[in-house]
């Protein structure tokens, strides 16, 4: 299933009923480019994993531009997702967080998806 994208701002509660198995929290784009270097570093792995038709279903959620992300009240930092850093990949089961991967995504993503 191709990756779906949700632009900032969006209501985090709208994602609770997502049909996708995974939520990928990314920095928003500036002139088509992700502003976060860590997001850029994992983007190829994310695209290769979730992009193919037979890949796991996922949605990319953009958390805003750097000033919006840095404020403690950013909507994704609170309930229900509690994202502390980007990029973060969250596994969703029954509209709840079933797992979280926010470091070493390039090396741990395949095992995280299977586990």
N, C-alpha and C. Protein backbone atom coordinates (compact mmCIF):
# COMPACT_ATOMS: atom_id res chain seq x y z
N UNK A 1 0.85 -1.18 0.00
CA UNK A 1 0.00 0.00 0.00
C UNK A 1 0.89 1.24 0.00
N UNK A 2 0.64 2.16 -0.89
CA UNK A 2 1.47 3.38 -0.91
C UNK A 2 1.35 4.17 0.39
N UNK A 3 2.39 4.87 0.71
CA UNK A 3 2.38 5.72 1.90
C UNK A 3 1.39 6.85 1.75
N UNK A 4 0.59 7.06 2.76
CA UNK A 4 -0.32 8.20 2.81
C UNK A 4 0.39 9.27 3.63
N UNK A 5 0.05 10.54 3.39
CA UNK A 5 0.66 11.64 4.12
C UNK A 5 -0.42 12.52 4.74
N UNK A 6 -0.14 13.01 5.95
CA UNK A 6 -1.05 13.92 6.64
C UNK A 6 -0.27 15.20 6.91
N UNK A 7 -0.77 16.28 6.37
CA UNK A 7 -0.07 17.57 6.53
C UNK A 7 -0.34 18.18 7.90
N UNK A 8 0.58 18.98 8.37
CA UNK A 8 0.43 19.75 9.60
C UNK A 8 -0.32 21.03 9.25
N UNK A 9 -1.23 21.54 10.06
CA UNK A 9 -1.66 20.96 11.32
C UNK A 9 -2.76 19.93 11.10
N UNK A 10 -2.82 18.98 11.96
CA UNK A 10 -3.90 18.00 11.94
C UNK A 10 -4.21 17.63 13.38
N UNK A 11 -5.38 17.09 13.59
CA UNK A 11 -5.81 16.71 14.92
C UNK A 11 -5.28 15.32 15.23
N UNK A 12 -4.46 15.18 16.28
CA UNK A 12 -3.90 13.87 16.60
C UNK A 12 -4.96 12.81 16.83
N UNK A 13 -6.11 13.20 17.32
CA UNK A 13 -7.17 12.24 17.59
C UNK A 13 -7.73 11.65 16.29
N UNK A 14 -7.60 12.39 15.17
CA UNK A 14 -8.05 11.87 13.88
C UNK A 14 -7.27 10.62 13.49
N UNK A 15 -6.07 10.49 14.01
CA UNK A 15 -5.22 9.35 13.68
C UNK A 15 -5.57 8.10 14.48
N UNK A 16 -6.38 8.24 15.52
CA UNK A 16 -6.73 7.09 16.35
C UNK A 16 -7.48 6.03 15.56
N UNK A 17 -8.24 6.44 14.58
CA UNK A 17 -9.03 5.49 13.78
C UNK A 17 -8.37 5.18 12.44
N UNK A 18 -7.07 5.40 12.37
CA UNK A 18 -6.37 5.15 11.11
C UNK A 18 -6.45 3.68 10.73
N UNK A 19 -6.48 3.42 9.45
CA UNK A 19 -6.50 2.05 8.95
C UNK A 19 -5.09 1.50 8.81
N UNK A 20 -4.11 2.40 8.80
CA UNK A 20 -2.72 1.99 8.65
C UNK A 20 -2.19 1.34 9.92
N UNK A 21 -1.22 0.44 9.75
CA UNK A 21 -0.61 -0.27 10.87
C UNK A 21 0.46 0.57 11.57
N UNK A 22 1.03 1.53 10.84
CA UNK A 22 2.14 2.31 11.38
C UNK A 22 1.93 3.80 11.12
N UNK A 23 2.34 4.62 12.09
CA UNK A 23 2.38 6.07 11.95
C UNK A 23 3.85 6.46 11.95
N UNK A 24 4.24 7.27 10.99
CA UNK A 24 5.62 7.73 10.88
C UNK A 24 5.60 9.24 11.09
N UNK A 25 6.16 9.69 12.18
CA UNK A 25 6.19 11.12 12.50
C UNK A 25 7.49 11.71 11.97
N UNK A 26 7.32 12.70 11.10
CA UNK A 26 8.42 13.34 10.38
C UNK A 26 8.34 14.85 10.55
N UNK A 27 9.47 15.51 10.34
CA UNK A 27 9.46 16.96 10.24
C UNK A 27 8.70 17.34 8.98
N UNK A 28 8.08 18.50 8.99
CA UNK A 28 7.43 18.98 7.78
C UNK A 28 8.49 19.36 6.76
N UNK A 29 8.03 19.66 5.56
CA UNK A 29 8.96 19.96 4.47
C UNK A 29 9.06 21.47 4.25
N UNK A 30 10.26 21.90 3.89
CA UNK A 30 10.53 23.27 3.50
C UNK A 30 11.02 23.21 2.06
N UNK A 31 10.27 23.80 1.15
CA UNK A 31 10.59 23.74 -0.28
C UNK A 31 10.80 22.29 -0.74
N UNK A 32 9.96 21.40 -0.25
CA UNK A 32 10.01 20.00 -0.65
C UNK A 32 11.01 19.14 0.12
N UNK A 33 11.79 19.74 1.01
CA UNK A 33 12.82 19.01 1.74
C UNK A 33 12.46 18.93 3.23
N UNK A 34 12.71 17.78 3.84
CA UNK A 34 12.52 17.64 5.28
C UNK A 34 13.54 18.51 6.00
N UNK A 35 13.11 19.29 7.00
CA UNK A 35 14.06 20.17 7.70
C UNK A 35 14.92 19.41 8.71
N UNK A 36 14.49 18.25 9.13
CA UNK A 36 15.20 17.48 10.15
C UNK A 36 16.21 16.53 9.50
N UNK A 37 17.50 16.67 9.80
CA UNK A 37 18.50 15.79 9.19
C UNK A 37 18.30 14.31 9.56
N UNK A 38 17.79 14.03 10.75
CA UNK A 38 17.54 12.64 11.13
C UNK A 38 16.43 12.02 10.28
N UNK A 39 15.42 12.82 9.93
CA UNK A 39 14.35 12.34 9.04
C UNK A 39 14.91 12.07 7.65
N UNK A 40 15.75 12.96 7.17
CA UNK A 40 16.38 12.78 5.86
C UNK A 40 17.19 11.48 5.86
N UNK A 41 17.89 11.21 6.96
CA UNK A 41 18.77 10.04 7.05
C UNK A 41 18.01 8.71 7.00
N UNK A 42 16.74 8.70 7.42
CA UNK A 42 15.96 7.45 7.41
C UNK A 42 14.95 7.39 6.27
N UNK A 43 14.81 8.46 5.52
CA UNK A 43 13.74 8.51 4.52
C UNK A 43 13.84 7.39 3.49
N UNK A 44 15.01 7.06 3.01
CA UNK A 44 15.15 5.98 2.01
C UNK A 44 14.67 4.65 2.60
N UNK A 45 15.04 4.37 3.85
CA UNK A 45 14.59 3.14 4.51
C UNK A 45 13.08 3.12 4.66
N UNK A 46 12.52 4.24 5.06
CA UNK A 46 11.05 4.34 5.21
C UNK A 46 10.37 4.13 3.87
N UNK A 47 10.85 4.80 2.82
CA UNK A 47 10.24 4.67 1.50
C UNK A 47 10.36 3.24 0.97
N UNK A 48 11.52 2.63 1.14
CA UNK A 48 11.74 1.27 0.65
C UNK A 48 10.90 0.25 1.41
N UNK A 49 10.64 0.50 2.69
CA UNK A 49 9.89 -0.43 3.53
C UNK A 49 8.39 -0.29 3.33
N UNK A 50 7.89 0.93 3.37
CA UNK A 50 6.45 1.15 3.36
C UNK A 50 5.89 1.55 2.00
N UNK A 51 6.75 1.92 1.07
CA UNK A 51 6.30 2.40 -0.22
C UNK A 51 5.75 1.36 -1.18
N UNK A 52 6.32 0.16 -1.23
CA UNK A 52 5.84 -0.84 -2.18
C UNK A 52 4.40 -1.28 -1.90
N UNK A 53 3.72 -1.70 -2.94
CA UNK A 53 2.34 -2.15 -2.82
C UNK A 53 2.18 -3.26 -1.79
N UNK A 54 3.19 -4.12 -1.66
CA UNK A 54 3.09 -5.23 -0.72
C UNK A 54 3.70 -4.91 0.65
N UNK A 55 4.09 -3.66 0.86
CA UNK A 55 4.67 -3.25 2.14
C UNK A 55 3.61 -3.06 3.20
N UNK A 56 4.02 -2.96 4.45
CA UNK A 56 3.07 -2.69 5.53
C UNK A 56 2.42 -1.32 5.32
N UNK A 57 1.21 -1.17 5.80
CA UNK A 57 0.50 0.10 5.61
C UNK A 57 1.00 1.13 6.62
N UNK A 58 1.19 2.35 6.14
CA UNK A 58 1.72 3.41 7.00
C UNK A 58 1.25 4.77 6.51
N UNK A 59 1.24 5.72 7.42
CA UNK A 59 0.94 7.10 7.09
C UNK A 59 2.05 7.97 7.68
N UNK A 60 2.54 8.90 6.87
CA UNK A 60 3.52 9.88 7.35
C UNK A 60 2.75 11.06 7.91
N UNK A 61 3.08 11.42 9.14
CA UNK A 61 2.44 12.54 9.83
C UNK A 61 3.50 13.62 10.01
N UNK A 62 3.26 14.76 9.39
CA UNK A 62 4.20 15.87 9.51
C UNK A 62 3.89 16.67 10.77
N UNK A 63 4.90 16.91 11.61
CA UNK A 63 4.72 17.53 12.92
C UNK A 63 4.84 19.05 12.90
N UNK A 64 5.12 19.62 11.75
CA UNK A 64 5.25 21.07 11.64
C UNK A 64 6.68 21.48 11.32
N UNK A 65 6.83 22.78 11.08
CA UNK A 65 8.16 23.33 10.86
C UNK A 65 8.91 23.35 12.19
N UNK A 66 10.20 23.57 12.14
CA UNK A 66 11.04 23.49 13.33
C UNK A 66 10.50 24.32 14.50
N UNK A 67 10.12 25.59 14.31
CA UNK A 67 9.60 26.37 15.46
C UNK A 67 8.32 25.76 16.04
N UNK A 68 7.46 25.21 15.19
CA UNK A 68 6.22 24.59 15.66
C UNK A 68 6.51 23.30 16.43
N UNK A 69 7.47 22.52 15.95
CA UNK A 69 7.82 21.27 16.60
C UNK A 69 8.50 21.50 17.94
N UNK A 70 9.30 22.53 18.04
CA UNK A 70 10.10 22.76 19.25
C UNK A 70 9.27 23.21 20.46
N UNK A 71 8.07 23.71 20.24
CA UNK A 71 7.28 24.15 21.39
C UNK A 71 6.71 22.94 22.13
N UNK A 72 6.75 22.95 23.45
CA UNK A 72 6.27 21.81 24.24
C UNK A 72 4.79 21.48 24.00
N UNK A 73 4.02 22.45 23.54
CA UNK A 73 2.59 22.20 23.33
C UNK A 73 2.26 21.68 21.92
N UNK A 74 3.27 21.31 21.14
CA UNK A 74 2.99 20.72 19.82
C UNK A 74 2.01 19.58 20.02
N UNK A 75 0.98 19.53 19.19
CA UNK A 75 -0.13 18.59 19.38
C UNK A 75 0.30 17.13 19.41
N UNK A 76 1.41 16.79 18.79
CA UNK A 76 1.84 15.39 18.75
C UNK A 76 2.68 14.99 19.96
N UNK A 77 3.12 15.97 20.74
CA UNK A 77 3.89 15.67 21.95
C UNK A 77 2.98 15.16 23.08
N UNK A 78 1.69 15.47 23.00
CA UNK A 78 0.75 15.05 24.04
C UNK A 78 0.03 13.76 23.67
N UNK A 79 -1.03 13.50 24.39
CA UNK A 79 -1.85 12.31 24.14
C UNK A 79 -2.51 12.41 22.78
N UNK A 80 -2.70 11.33 22.09
CA UNK A 80 -2.41 9.97 22.53
C UNK A 80 -1.04 9.45 22.06
N UNK A 81 -0.28 10.25 21.28
CA UNK A 81 0.92 9.70 20.64
C UNK A 81 2.21 9.96 21.40
N UNK A 82 2.31 11.04 22.14
CA UNK A 82 3.47 11.36 22.96
C UNK A 82 4.80 11.21 22.21
N UNK A 83 4.89 11.87 21.08
CA UNK A 83 6.10 11.83 20.27
C UNK A 83 7.12 12.80 20.87
N UNK A 84 8.29 12.29 21.21
CA UNK A 84 9.33 13.11 21.83
C UNK A 84 10.39 13.55 20.84
N UNK A 85 10.51 12.83 19.71
CA UNK A 85 11.53 13.18 18.72
C UNK A 85 11.06 12.73 17.35
N UNK A 86 11.63 13.37 16.34
CA UNK A 86 11.37 12.94 14.97
C UNK A 86 12.71 12.52 14.38
N UNK A 87 12.70 11.46 13.61
CA UNK A 87 11.56 10.64 13.23
C UNK A 87 11.19 9.64 14.33
N UNK A 88 9.93 9.29 14.37
CA UNK A 88 9.42 8.24 15.25
C UNK A 88 8.44 7.39 14.45
N UNK A 89 8.55 6.08 14.59
CA UNK A 89 7.61 5.15 13.97
C UNK A 89 6.83 4.49 15.09
N UNK A 90 5.50 4.57 15.00
CA UNK A 90 4.63 3.97 16.01
C UNK A 90 3.79 2.89 15.36
N UNK A 91 3.79 1.73 16.00
CA UNK A 91 2.92 0.62 15.57
C UNK A 91 1.58 0.80 16.28
N UNK A 92 0.50 0.69 15.51
CA UNK A 92 -0.84 0.90 16.05
C UNK A 92 -1.62 -0.40 16.01
N UNK A 93 -2.22 -0.74 17.15
CA UNK A 93 -3.14 -1.89 17.23
C UNK A 93 -4.33 -1.46 18.05
N UNK A 94 -5.52 -1.68 17.51
CA UNK A 94 -6.76 -1.31 18.21
C UNK A 94 -6.75 0.15 18.65
N UNK A 95 -6.29 1.02 17.76
CA UNK A 95 -6.25 2.47 17.99
C UNK A 95 -5.35 2.89 19.15
N UNK A 96 -4.41 2.03 19.52
CA UNK A 96 -3.50 2.35 20.61
C UNK A 96 -2.06 2.08 20.19
N UNK A 97 -1.13 2.72 20.89
CA UNK A 97 0.29 2.51 20.63
C UNK A 97 0.67 1.09 21.06
N UNK A 98 1.16 0.31 20.12
CA UNK A 98 1.58 -1.05 20.42
C UNK A 98 3.10 -1.18 20.40
N UNK A 99 3.77 -0.15 19.93
CA UNK A 99 5.23 -0.15 19.89
C UNK A 99 5.73 1.16 19.34
N UNK A 100 6.97 1.48 19.67
CA UNK A 100 7.56 2.77 19.27
C UNK A 100 9.02 2.56 18.92
N UNK A 101 9.43 3.16 17.81
CA UNK A 101 10.83 3.12 17.39
C UNK A 101 11.24 4.55 17.07
N UNK A 102 12.19 5.07 17.85
CA UNK A 102 12.60 6.46 17.62
C UNK A 102 14.11 6.64 17.56
N UNK A 103 14.82 5.52 17.45
CA UNK A 103 16.27 5.61 17.25
C UNK A 103 16.71 4.38 16.46
N UNK A 104 17.84 4.51 15.79
CA UNK A 104 18.38 3.41 14.98
C UNK A 104 17.36 2.84 14.00
N UNK A 105 16.54 3.71 13.44
CA UNK A 105 15.48 3.25 12.53
C UNK A 105 16.06 2.50 11.34
N UNK A 106 17.16 2.98 10.79
CA UNK A 106 17.75 2.31 9.62
C UNK A 106 18.12 0.86 9.91
N UNK A 107 18.55 0.57 11.13
CA UNK A 107 18.99 -0.80 11.45
C UNK A 107 17.92 -1.64 12.13
N UNK A 108 16.97 -1.01 12.81
CA UNK A 108 16.00 -1.77 13.61
C UNK A 108 14.60 -1.86 13.01
N UNK A 109 14.34 -1.13 11.93
CA UNK A 109 12.97 -1.08 11.39
C UNK A 109 12.44 -2.44 10.98
N UNK A 110 13.22 -3.22 10.27
CA UNK A 110 12.74 -4.53 9.79
C UNK A 110 12.31 -5.42 10.96
N UNK A 111 13.10 -5.48 12.01
CA UNK A 111 12.75 -6.29 13.18
C UNK A 111 11.55 -5.71 13.91
N UNK A 112 11.46 -4.38 13.98
CA UNK A 112 10.33 -3.71 14.64
C UNK A 112 9.02 -4.05 13.94
N UNK A 113 9.02 -4.06 12.65
CA UNK A 113 7.81 -4.37 11.88
C UNK A 113 7.37 -5.82 12.11
N UNK A 114 8.31 -6.73 12.16
CA UNK A 114 7.99 -8.14 12.36
C UNK A 114 7.55 -8.45 13.77
N UNK A 115 8.11 -7.69 14.72
CA UNK A 115 7.91 -8.00 16.14
C UNK A 115 6.66 -7.51 16.68
